[in-house]
C-alpha cells in the first residue's frame, strides 16, 4: 500500500465507509476549513477540523488521530479506526 500522510485535502472530500465496522465518515470544506464528521447510528454526528502539520494529516478526537491516503486504491486509513473506502455514488 502506497499511503501518504500528507496529501491535498480536496482529494479526500466525500463520504467514506469503514471496512471494519467503524462509523462512516464525511470529509468536506465548509468555506473556511476542511472538516471530518463521524456519522453514528441514530443521527449522532461529531465534527472535527482536519489539520496538516509536520508532514502529517490528523485531527483530535479523544486524542490525535492520523490519516493516511492511498490514492491508487482509494483507501483512507485512520490510526485506530481502520481503513475506509470511498462510498459509491
PDB file of N, CA and C in Angstrom:
ATOM      1  N   UNK A   1       0.845  -1.176   0.000  1.00  0.00           N
ATOM      2  CA  UNK A   1       0.000   0.000   0.000  1.00  0.00           C
ATOM      3  C   UNK A   1       0.885   1.231   0.000  1.00  0.00           C
ATOM      4  N   UNK A   2       0.605   2.165  -0.892  1.00  0.00           N
ATOM      5  CA  UNK A   2       1.375   3.389  -1.001  1.00  0.00           C
ATOM      6  C   UNK A   2       0.552   4.529  -0.413  1.00  0.00           C
ATOM      7  N   UNK A   3       0.330   4.507   0.879  1.00  0.00           N
ATOM      8  CA  UNK A   3      -0.446   5.538   1.557  1.00  0.00           C
ATOM      9  C   UNK A   3       0.459   6.697   1.927  1.00  0.00           C
ATOM     10  N   UNK A   4      -0.067   7.899   1.795  1.00  0.00           N
ATOM     11  CA  UNK A   4       0.683   9.101   2.106  1.00  0.00           C
ATOM     12  C   UNK A   4       0.053   9.822   3.292  1.00  0.00           C
ATOM     13  N   UNK A   5       0.897  10.355   4.150  1.00  0.00           N
ATOM     14  CA  UNK A   5       0.419  11.046   5.352  1.00  0.00           C
ATOM     15  C   UNK A   5       0.067  12.498   5.083  1.00  0.00           C
ATOM     16  N   UNK A   6       0.596  13.066   4.003  1.00  0.00           N
ATOM     17  CA  UNK A   6       0.295  14.450   3.645  1.00  0.00           C
ATOM     18  C   UNK A   6      -0.184  14.454   2.193  1.00  0.00           C
ATOM     19  N   UNK A   7      -1.360  15.009   1.952  1.00  0.00           N
ATOM     20  CA  UNK A   7      -1.997  14.968   0.646  1.00  0.00           C
ATOM     21  C   UNK A   7      -2.955  16.149   0.567  1.00  0.00           C
ATOM     22  N   UNK A   8      -3.381  16.540  -0.641  1.00  0.00           N
ATOM     23  CA  UNK A   8      -4.354  17.630  -0.752  1.00  0.00           C
ATOM     24  C   UNK A   8      -5.691  17.192  -0.152  1.00  0.00           C
ATOM     25  N   UNK A   9      -6.204  17.958   0.777  1.00  0.00           N
ATOM     26  CA  UNK A   9      -7.442  17.569   1.449  1.00  0.00           C
ATOM     27  C   UNK A   9      -8.637  17.530   0.493  1.00  0.00           C
ATOM     28  N   UNK A  10      -8.610  18.343  -0.545  1.00  0.00           N
ATOM     29  CA  UNK A  10      -9.721  18.310  -1.512  1.00  0.00           C
ATOM     30  C   UNK A  10      -9.842  16.942  -2.179  1.00  0.00           C
ATOM     31  N   UNK A  11      -8.747  16.175  -2.225  1.00  0.00           N
ATOM     32  CA  UNK A  11      -8.749  14.852  -2.857  1.00  0.00           C
ATOM     33  C   UNK A  11      -9.533  13.821  -2.051  1.00  0.00           C
ATOM     34  N   UNK A  12      -9.762  14.076  -0.776  1.00  0.00           N
ATOM     35  CA  UNK A  12     -10.454  13.087   0.061  1.00  0.00           C
ATOM     36  C   UNK A  12     -11.847  13.539   0.478  1.00  0.00           C
ATOM     37  N   UNK A  13     -12.333  14.635  -0.094  1.00  0.00           N
ATOM     38  CA  UNK A  13     -13.695  15.078   0.233  1.00  0.00           C
ATOM     39  C   UNK A  13     -14.699  14.038  -0.250  1.00  0.00           C
ATOM     40  N   UNK A  14     -15.725  13.824   0.550  1.00  0.00           N
ATOM     41  CA  UNK A  14     -16.763  12.866   0.211  1.00  0.00           C
ATOM     42  C   UNK A  14     -17.092  12.003   1.408  1.00  0.00           C
ATOM     43  N   UNK A  15     -17.881  10.988   1.174  1.00  0.00           N
ATOM     44  CA  UNK A  15     -18.307  10.072   2.225  1.00  0.00           C
ATOM     45  C   UNK A  15     -17.510   8.780   2.104  1.00  0.00           C
ATOM     46  N   UNK A  16     -17.072   8.269   3.247  1.00  0.00           N
ATOM     47  CA  UNK A  16     -16.223   7.078   3.299  1.00  0.00           C
ATOM     48  C   UNK A  16     -16.855   6.030   4.211  1.00  0.00           C
ATOM     49  N   UNK A  17     -16.831   4.772   3.765  1.00  0.00           N
ATOM     50  CA  UNK A  17     -17.376   3.649   4.522  1.00  0.00           C
ATOM     51  C   UNK A  17     -16.248   2.853   5.149  1.00  0.00           C
ATOM     52  N   UNK A  18     -16.438   2.451   6.389  1.00  0.00           N
ATOM     53  CA  UNK A  18     -15.434   1.666   7.099  1.00  0.00           C
ATOM     54  C   UNK A  18     -15.405   0.234   6.576  1.00  0.00           C
ATOM     55  N   UNK A  19     -14.217  -0.336   6.520  1.00  0.00           N
ATOM     56  CA  UNK A  19     -14.058  -1.735   6.137  1.00  0.00           C
ATOM     57  C   UNK A  19     -14.036  -2.651   7.356  1.00  0.00           C
ATOM     58  N   UNK A  20     -14.113  -2.054   8.554  1.00  0.00           N
ATOM     59  CA  UNK A  20     -14.004  -2.878   9.763  1.00  0.00           C
ATOM     60  C   UNK A  20     -15.060  -2.535  10.825  1.00  0.00           C
ATOM     61  N   UNK A  21     -16.166  -1.924  10.421  1.00  0.00           N
ATOM     62  CA  UNK A  21     -17.266  -1.689  11.350  1.00  0.00           C
ATOM     63  C   UNK A  21     -17.234  -0.376  12.114  1.00  0.00           C
ATOM     64  N   UNK A  22     -16.274   0.481  11.844  1.00  0.00           N
ATOM     65  CA  UNK A  22     -16.244   1.802  12.480  1.00  0.00           C
ATOM     66  C   UNK A  22     -17.315   2.686  11.851  1.00  0.00           C
ATOM     67  N   UNK A  23     -17.646   3.816  12.487  1.00  0.00           N
ATOM     68  CA  UNK A  23     -18.673   4.684  11.910  1.00  0.00           C
ATOM     69  C   UNK A  23     -18.228   5.267  10.564  1.00  0.00           C
ATOM     70  N   UNK A  24     -19.195   5.550   9.690  1.00  0.00           N
ATOM     71  CA  UNK A  24     -18.903   6.216   8.425  1.00  0.00           C
ATOM     72  C   UNK A  24     -18.344   7.603   8.713  1.00  0.00           C
ATOM     73  N   UNK A  25     -17.596   8.133   7.755  1.00  0.00           N
ATOM     74  CA  UNK A  25     -17.096   9.498   7.900  1.00  0.00           C
ATOM     75  C   UNK A  25     -17.413  10.285   6.635  1.00  0.00           C
ATOM     76  N   UNK A  26     -17.493  11.590   6.803  1.00  0.00           N
ATOM     77  CA  UNK A  26     -17.671  12.504   5.674  1.00  0.00           C
ATOM     78  C   UNK A  26     -16.636  13.597   5.825  1.00  0.00           C
ATOM     79  N   UNK A  27     -15.937  13.911   4.749  1.00  0.00           N
ATOM     80  CA  UNK A  27     -14.949  14.980   4.752  1.00  0.00           C
ATOM     81  C   UNK A  27     -15.434  16.048   3.784  1.00  0.00           C
ATOM     82  N   UNK A  28     -15.424  17.292   4.229  1.00  0.00           N
ATOM     83  CA  UNK A  28     -15.938  18.387   3.406  1.00  0.00           C
ATOM     84  C   UNK A  28     -15.233  19.694   3.763  1.00  0.00           C
ATOM     85  N   UNK A  29     -15.404  20.676   2.896  1.00  0.00           N
ATOM     86  CA  UNK A  29     -14.878  22.022   3.135  1.00  0.00           C
ATOM     87  C   UNK A  29     -16.074  22.917   3.443  1.00  0.00           C
ATOM     88  N   UNK A  30     -16.019  23.625   4.550  1.00  0.00           N
ATOM     89  CA  UNK A  30     -17.162  24.451   4.959  1.00  0.00           C
ATOM     90  C   UNK A  30     -17.037  25.906   4.520  1.00  0.00           C
ATOM     91  N   UNK A  31     -16.086  26.185   3.634  1.00  0.00           N
ATOM     92  CA  UNK A  31     -15.857  27.547   3.181  1.00  0.00           C
ATOM     93  C   UNK A  31     -14.675  28.198   3.876  1.00  0.00           C
ATOM     94  N   UNK A  32     -14.286  27.644   5.014  1.00  0.00           N
ATOM     95  CA  UNK A  32     -13.151  28.165   5.774  1.00  0.00           C
ATOM     96  C   UNK A  32     -12.083  27.092   5.958  1.00  0.00           C
ATOM     97  N   UNK A  33     -12.516  25.916   6.370  1.00  0.00           N
ATOM     98  CA  UNK A  33     -11.554  24.834   6.614  1.00  0.00           C
ATOM     99  C   UNK A  33     -12.174  23.489   6.276  1.00  0.00           C
ATOM    100  N   UNK A  34     -11.311  22.477   6.226  1.00  0.00           N
ATOM    101  CA  UNK A  34     -11.783  21.114   5.981  1.00  0.00           C
ATOM    102  C   UNK A  34     -12.184  20.493   7.302  1.00  0.00           C
ATOM    103  N   UNK A  35     -13.248  19.716   7.249  1.00  0.00           N
ATOM    104  CA  UNK A  35     -13.773  19.076   8.451  1.00  0.00           C
ATOM    105  C   UNK A  35     -14.071  17.611   8.178  1.00  0.00           C
ATOM    106  N   UNK A  36     -14.024  16.821   9.247  1.00  0.00           N
ATOM    107  CA  UNK A  36     -14.354  15.405   9.191  1.00  0.00           C
ATOM    108  C   UNK A  36     -15.509  15.164  10.144  1.00  0.00           C
ATOM    109  N   UNK A  37     -16.513  14.440   9.673  1.00  0.00           N
ATOM    110  CA  UNK A  37     -17.659  14.081  10.514  1.00  0.00           C
ATOM    111  C   UNK A  37     -17.694  12.580  10.709  1.00  0.00           C
ATOM    112  N   UNK A  38     -17.869  12.163  11.959  1.00  0.00           N
ATOM    113  CA  UNK A  38     -18.172  10.773  12.266  1.00  0.00           C
ATOM    114  C   UNK A  38     -19.685  10.665  12.276  1.00  0.00           C
ATOM    115  N   UNK A  39     -20.230   9.735  11.517  1.00  0.00           N
ATOM    116  CA  UNK A  39     -21.681   9.585  11.411  1.00  0.00           C
ATOM    117  C   UNK A  39     -22.078   8.277  12.084  1.00  0.00           C
ATOM    118  N   UNK A  40     -22.659   8.393  13.264  1.00  0.00           N
ATOM    119  CA  UNK A  40     -23.088   7.227  14.028  1.00  0.00           C
ATOM    120  C   UNK A  40     -24.553   6.934  13.757  1.00  0.00           C
ATOM    121  N   UNK A  41     -24.998   5.761  14.153  1.00  0.00           N
ATOM    122  CA  UNK A  41     -26.417   5.415  14.024  1.00  0.00           C
ATOM    123  C   UNK A  41     -27.246   6.378  14.871  1.00  0.00           C
ATOM    124  N   UNK A  42     -28.513   6.458  14.581  1.00  0.00           N
ATOM    125  CA  UNK A  42     -29.451   7.305  15.303  1.00  0.00           C
ATOM    126  C   UNK A  42     -29.114   8.783  15.119  1.00  0.00           C
ATOM    127  N   UNK A  43     -28.540   9.135  13.966  1.00  0.00           N
ATOM    128  CA  UNK A  43     -28.273  10.518  13.587  1.00  0.00           C
ATOM    129  C   UNK A  43     -27.322  11.270  14.505  1.00  0.00           C
ATOM    130  N   UNK A  44     -26.485  10.586  15.227  1.00  0.00           N
ATOM    131  CA  UNK A  44     -25.451  11.248  16.043  1.00  0.00           C
ATOM    132  C   UNK A  44     -24.259  11.545  15.131  1.00  0.00           C
ATOM    133  N   UNK A  45     -23.839  12.813  15.106  1.00  0.00           N
ATOM    134  CA  UNK A  45     -22.743  13.241  14.251  1.00  0.00           C
ATOM    135  C   UNK A  45     -21.766  14.063  15.081  1.00  0.00           C
ATOM    136  N   UNK A  46     -20.480  13.761  14.964  1.00  0.00           N
ATOM    137  CA  UNK A  46     -19.436  14.534  15.625  1.00  0.00           C
ATOM    138  C   UNK A  46     -18.533  15.105  14.536  1.00  0.00           C
ATOM    139  N   UNK A  47     -18.263  16.396  14.601  1.00  0.00           N
ATOM    140  CA  UNK A  47     -17.474  17.076  13.585  1.00  0.00           C
ATOM    141  C   UNK A  47     -16.190  17.619  14.193  1.00  0.00           C
ATOM    142  N   UNK A  48     -15.070  17.388  13.497  1.00  0.00           N
ATOM    143  CA  UNK A  48     -13.768  17.874  13.955  1.00  0.00           C
ATOM    144  C   UNK A  48     -13.038  18.513  12.772  1.00  0.00           C
ATOM    145  N   UNK A  49     -12.219  19.540  13.032  1.00  0.00           N
ATOM    146  CA  UNK A  49     -11.430  20.121  11.946  1.00  0.00           C
ATOM    147  C   UNK A  49     -10.230  19.237  11.608  1.00  0.00           C
ATOM    148  N   UNK A  50      -9.910  19.152  10.319  1.00  0.00           N
ATOM    149  CA  UNK A  50      -8.715  18.436   9.879  1.00  0.00           C
ATOM    150  C   UNK A  50      -7.529  19.390   9.906  1.00  0.00           C
ATOM    151  N   UNK A  51      -6.361  18.857  10.210  1.00  0.00           N
ATOM    152  CA  UNK A  51      -5.147  19.662  10.278  1.00  0.00           C
ATOM    153  C   UNK A  51      -4.037  18.968   9.510  1.00  0.00           C
ATOM    154  N   UNK A  52      -3.141  19.763   8.967  1.00  0.00           N
ATOM    155  CA  UNK A  52      -1.936  19.239   8.332  1.00  0.00           C
ATOM    156  C   UNK A  52      -0.749  20.018   8.886  1.00  0.00           C
ATOM    157  N   UNK A  53       0.164  19.283   9.461  1.00  0.00           N
ATOM    158  CA  UNK A  53       1.354  19.894  10.047  1.00  0.00           C
ATOM    159  C   UNK A  53       2.405  18.811  10.209  1.00  0.00           C
ATOM    160  N   UNK A  54       3.661  19.196  10.195  1.00  0.00           N
ATOM    161  CA  UNK A  54       4.775  18.263  10.383  1.00  0.00           C
ATOM    162  C   UNK A  54       4.761  17.128   9.355  1.00  0.00           C
ATOM    163  N   UNK A  55       4.149  17.359   8.191  1.00  0.00           N
ATOM    164  CA  UNK A  55       4.106  16.334   7.154  1.00  0.00           C
ATOM    165  C   UNK A  55       3.068  15.250   7.378  1.00  0.00           C
ATOM    166  N   UNK A  56       2.132  15.490   8.282  1.00  0.00           N
ATOM    167  CA  UNK A  56       1.059  14.510   8.523  1.00  0.00           C
ATOM    168  C   UNK A  56      -0.297  15.198   8.498  1.00  0.00           C
ATOM    169  N   UNK A  57      -1.331  14.416   8.230  1.00  0.00           N
ATOM    170  CA  UNK A  57      -2.712  14.865   8.285  1.00  0.00           C
ATOM    171  C   UNK A  57      -3.335  14.219   9.509  1.00  0.00           C
ATOM    172  N   UNK A  58      -4.063  15.002  10.310  1.00  0.00           N
ATOM    173  CA  UNK A  58      -4.597  14.471  11.558  1.00  0.00           C
ATOM    174  C   UNK A  58      -5.770  15.305  12.049  1.00  0.00           C
ATOM    175  N   UNK A  59      -6.427  14.790  13.082  1.00  0.00           N
ATOM    176  CA  UNK A  59      -7.470  15.522  13.799  1.00  0.00           C
ATOM    177  C   UNK A  59      -7.433  15.057  15.244  1.00  0.00           C
ATOM    178  N   UNK A  60      -8.074  15.818  16.095  1.00  0.00           N
ATOM    179  CA  UNK A  60      -8.166  15.446  17.505  1.00  0.00           C
ATOM    180  C   UNK A  60      -9.583  14.977  17.814  1.00  0.00           C
ATOM    181  N   UNK A  61      -9.691  13.767  18.306  1.00  0.00           N
ATOM    182  CA  UNK A  61     -10.977  13.204  18.753  1.00  0.00           C
ATOM    183  C   UNK A  61     -10.632  12.242  19.884  1.00  0.00           C
ATOM    184  N   UNK A  62     -10.635  12.746  21.100  1.00  0.00           N
ATOM    185  CA  UNK A  62     -10.168  11.988  22.262  1.00  0.00           C
ATOM    186  C   UNK A  62      -8.717  11.551  22.051  1.00  0.00           C
ATOM    187  N   UNK A  63      -7.899  12.457  21.559  1.00  0.00           N
ATOM    188  CA  UNK A  63      -6.503  12.191  21.234  1.00  0.00           C
ATOM    189  C   UNK A  63      -6.256  12.455  19.762  1.00  0.00           C
ATOM    190  N   UNK A  64      -4.997  12.471  19.383  1.00  0.00           N
ATOM    191  CA  UNK A  64      -4.624  12.738  17.996  1.00  0.00           C
ATOM    192  C   UNK A  64      -4.784  11.481  17.142  1.00  0.00           C
ATOM    193  N   UNK A  65      -5.514  11.609  16.032  1.00  0.00           N
ATOM    194  CA  UNK A  65      -5.746  10.509  15.097  1.00  0.00           C
ATOM    195  C   UNK A  65      -5.117  10.902  13.758  1.00  0.00           C
ATOM    196  N   UNK A  66      -4.186  10.098  13.268  1.00  0.00           N
ATOM    197  CA  UNK A  66      -3.533  10.362  11.984  1.00  0.00           C
ATOM    198  C   UNK A  66      -4.310   9.717  10.846  1.00  0.00           C
ATOM    199  N   UNK A  67      -4.232  10.362   9.675  1.00  0.00           N
ATOM    200  CA  UNK A  67      -4.897   9.855   8.475  1.00  0.00           C
ATOM    201  C   UNK A  67      -3.846   9.651   7.390  1.00  0.00           C
ATOM    202  N   UNK A  68      -3.929   8.530   6.694  1.00  0.00           N
ATOM    203  CA  UNK A  68      -3.108   8.273   5.512  1.00  0.00           C
ATOM    204  C   UNK A  68      -4.051   7.996   4.346  1.00  0.00           C
ATOM    205  N   UNK A  69      -3.631   8.372   3.147  1.00  0.00           N
ATOM    206  CA  UNK A  69      -4.473   8.222   1.964  1.00  0.00           C
ATOM    207  C   UNK A  69      -3.719   7.474   0.879  1.00  0.00           C
ATOM    208  N   UNK A  70      -4.328   6.411   0.382  1.00  0.00           N
ATOM    209  CA  UNK A  70      -3.795   5.644  -0.743  1.00  0.00           C
ATOM    210  C   UNK A  70      -4.639   6.000  -1.958  1.00  0.00           C
ATOM    211  N   UNK A  71      -4.126   6.916  -2.764  1.00  0.00           N
ATOM    212  CA  UNK A  71      -4.871   7.420  -3.921  1.00  0.00           C
ATOM    213  C   UNK A  71      -5.130   6.322  -4.951  1.00  0.00           C
ATOM    214  N   UNK A  72      -4.170   5.458  -5.151  1.00  0.00           N
ATOM    215  CA  UNK A  72      -4.292   4.398  -6.155  1.00  0.00           C
ATOM    216  C   UNK A  72      -5.427   3.436  -5.833  1.00  0.00           C
ATOM    217  N   UNK A  73      -5.564   3.061  -4.572  1.00  0.00           N
ATOM    218  CA  UNK A  73      -6.610   2.109  -4.162  1.00  0.00           C
ATOM    219  C   UNK A  73      -7.845   2.790  -3.588  1.00  0.00           C
ATOM    220  N   UNK A  74      -7.832   4.138  -3.506  1.00  0.00           N
ATOM    221  CA  UNK A  74      -8.948   4.896  -2.940  1.00  0.00           C
ATOM    222  C   UNK A  74      -9.276   4.431  -1.522  1.00  0.00           C
ATOM    223  N   UNK A  75      -8.255   4.389  -0.669  1.00  0.00           N
ATOM    224  CA  UNK A  75      -8.429   3.985   0.719  1.00  0.00           C
ATOM    225  C   UNK A  75      -7.891   5.046   1.661  1.00  0.00           C
ATOM    226  N   UNK A  76      -8.640   5.301   2.718  1.00  0.00           N
ATOM    227  CA  UNK A  76      -8.173   6.129   3.826  1.00  0.00           C
ATOM    228  C   UNK A  76      -7.850   5.197   4.979  1.00  0.00           C
ATOM    229  N   UNK A  77      -6.840   5.528   5.734  1.00  0.00           N
ATOM    230  CA  UNK A  77      -6.504   4.750   6.918  1.00  0.00           C
ATOM    231  C   UNK A  77      -6.432   5.699   8.109  1.00  0.00           C
ATOM    232  N   UNK A  78      -7.269   5.454   9.104  1.00  0.00           N
ATOM    233  CA  UNK A  78      -7.276   6.247  10.329  1.00  0.00           C
ATOM    234  C   UNK A  78      -6.657   5.404  11.428  1.00  0.00           C
ATOM    235  N   UNK A  79      -5.717   5.989  12.165  1.00  0.00           N
ATOM    236  CA  UNK A  79      -4.942   5.275  13.186  1.00  0.00           C
ATOM    237  C   UNK A  79      -5.703   4.159  13.897  1.00  0.00           C
ATOM    238  N   UNK A  80      -6.697   4.504  14.667  1.00  0.00           N
ATOM    239  CA  UNK A  80      -7.373   3.489  15.480  1.00  0.00           C
ATOM    240  C   UNK A  80      -8.718   3.046  14.917  1.00  0.00           C
ATOM    241  N   UNK A  81      -9.177   3.688  13.835  1.00  0.00           N
ATOM    242  CA  UNK A  81     -10.474   3.347  13.271  1.00  0.00           C
ATOM    243  C   UNK A  81     -10.378   2.423  12.069  1.00  0.00           C
ATOM    244  N   UNK A  82      -9.191   2.163  11.573  1.00  0.00           N
ATOM    245  CA  UNK A  82      -9.006   1.229  10.470  1.00  0.00           C
ATOM    246  C   UNK A  82      -9.111   1.878   9.096  1.00  0.00           C
ATOM    247  N   UNK A  83      -9.392   1.060   8.096  1.00  0.00           N
ATOM    248  CA  UNK A  83      -9.424   1.515   6.698  1.00  0.00           C
ATOM    249  C   UNK A  83     -10.835   1.856   6.248  1.00  0.00           C
ATOM    250  N   UNK A  84     -10.894   2.798   5.324  1.00  0.00           N
ATOM    251  CA  UNK A  84     -12.147   3.266   4.745  1.00  0.00           C
ATOM    252  C   UNK A  84     -12.039   3.294   3.233  1.00  0.00           C
ATOM    253  N   UNK A  85     -13.161   2.964   2.561  1.00  0.00           N
ATOM    254  CA  UNK A  85     -13.228   3.101   1.108  1.00  0.00           C
ATOM    255  C   UNK A  85     -14.250   4.174   0.772  1.00  0.00           C
ATOM    256  N   UNK A  86     -14.003   4.860  -0.335  1.00  0.00           N
ATOM    257  CA  UNK A  86     -14.923   5.925  -0.740  1.00  0.00           C
ATOM    258  C   UNK A  86     -16.272   5.311  -1.093  1.00  0.00           C
ATOM    259  N   UNK A  87     -17.341   5.936  -0.622  1.00  0.00           N
ATOM    260  CA  UNK A  87     -18.695   5.454  -0.889  1.00  0.00           C
ATOM    261  C   UNK A  87     -19.024   5.649  -2.369  1.00  0.00           C
ATOM    262  N   UNK A  88     -19.607   4.637  -2.976  1.00  0.00           N
ATOM    263  CA  UNK A  88     -20.016   4.719  -4.386  1.00  0.00           C
ATOM    264  C   UNK A  88     -21.227   5.617  -4.509  1.00  0.00           C
ATOM    265  N   UNK A  89     -21.282   6.322  -5.616  1.00  0.00           N
ATOM    266  CA  UNK A  89     -22.445   7.199  -5.855  1.00  0.00           C
ATOM    267  C   UNK A  89     -23.564   6.461  -6.509  1.00  0.00           C
TER     268      UNK A  89
END
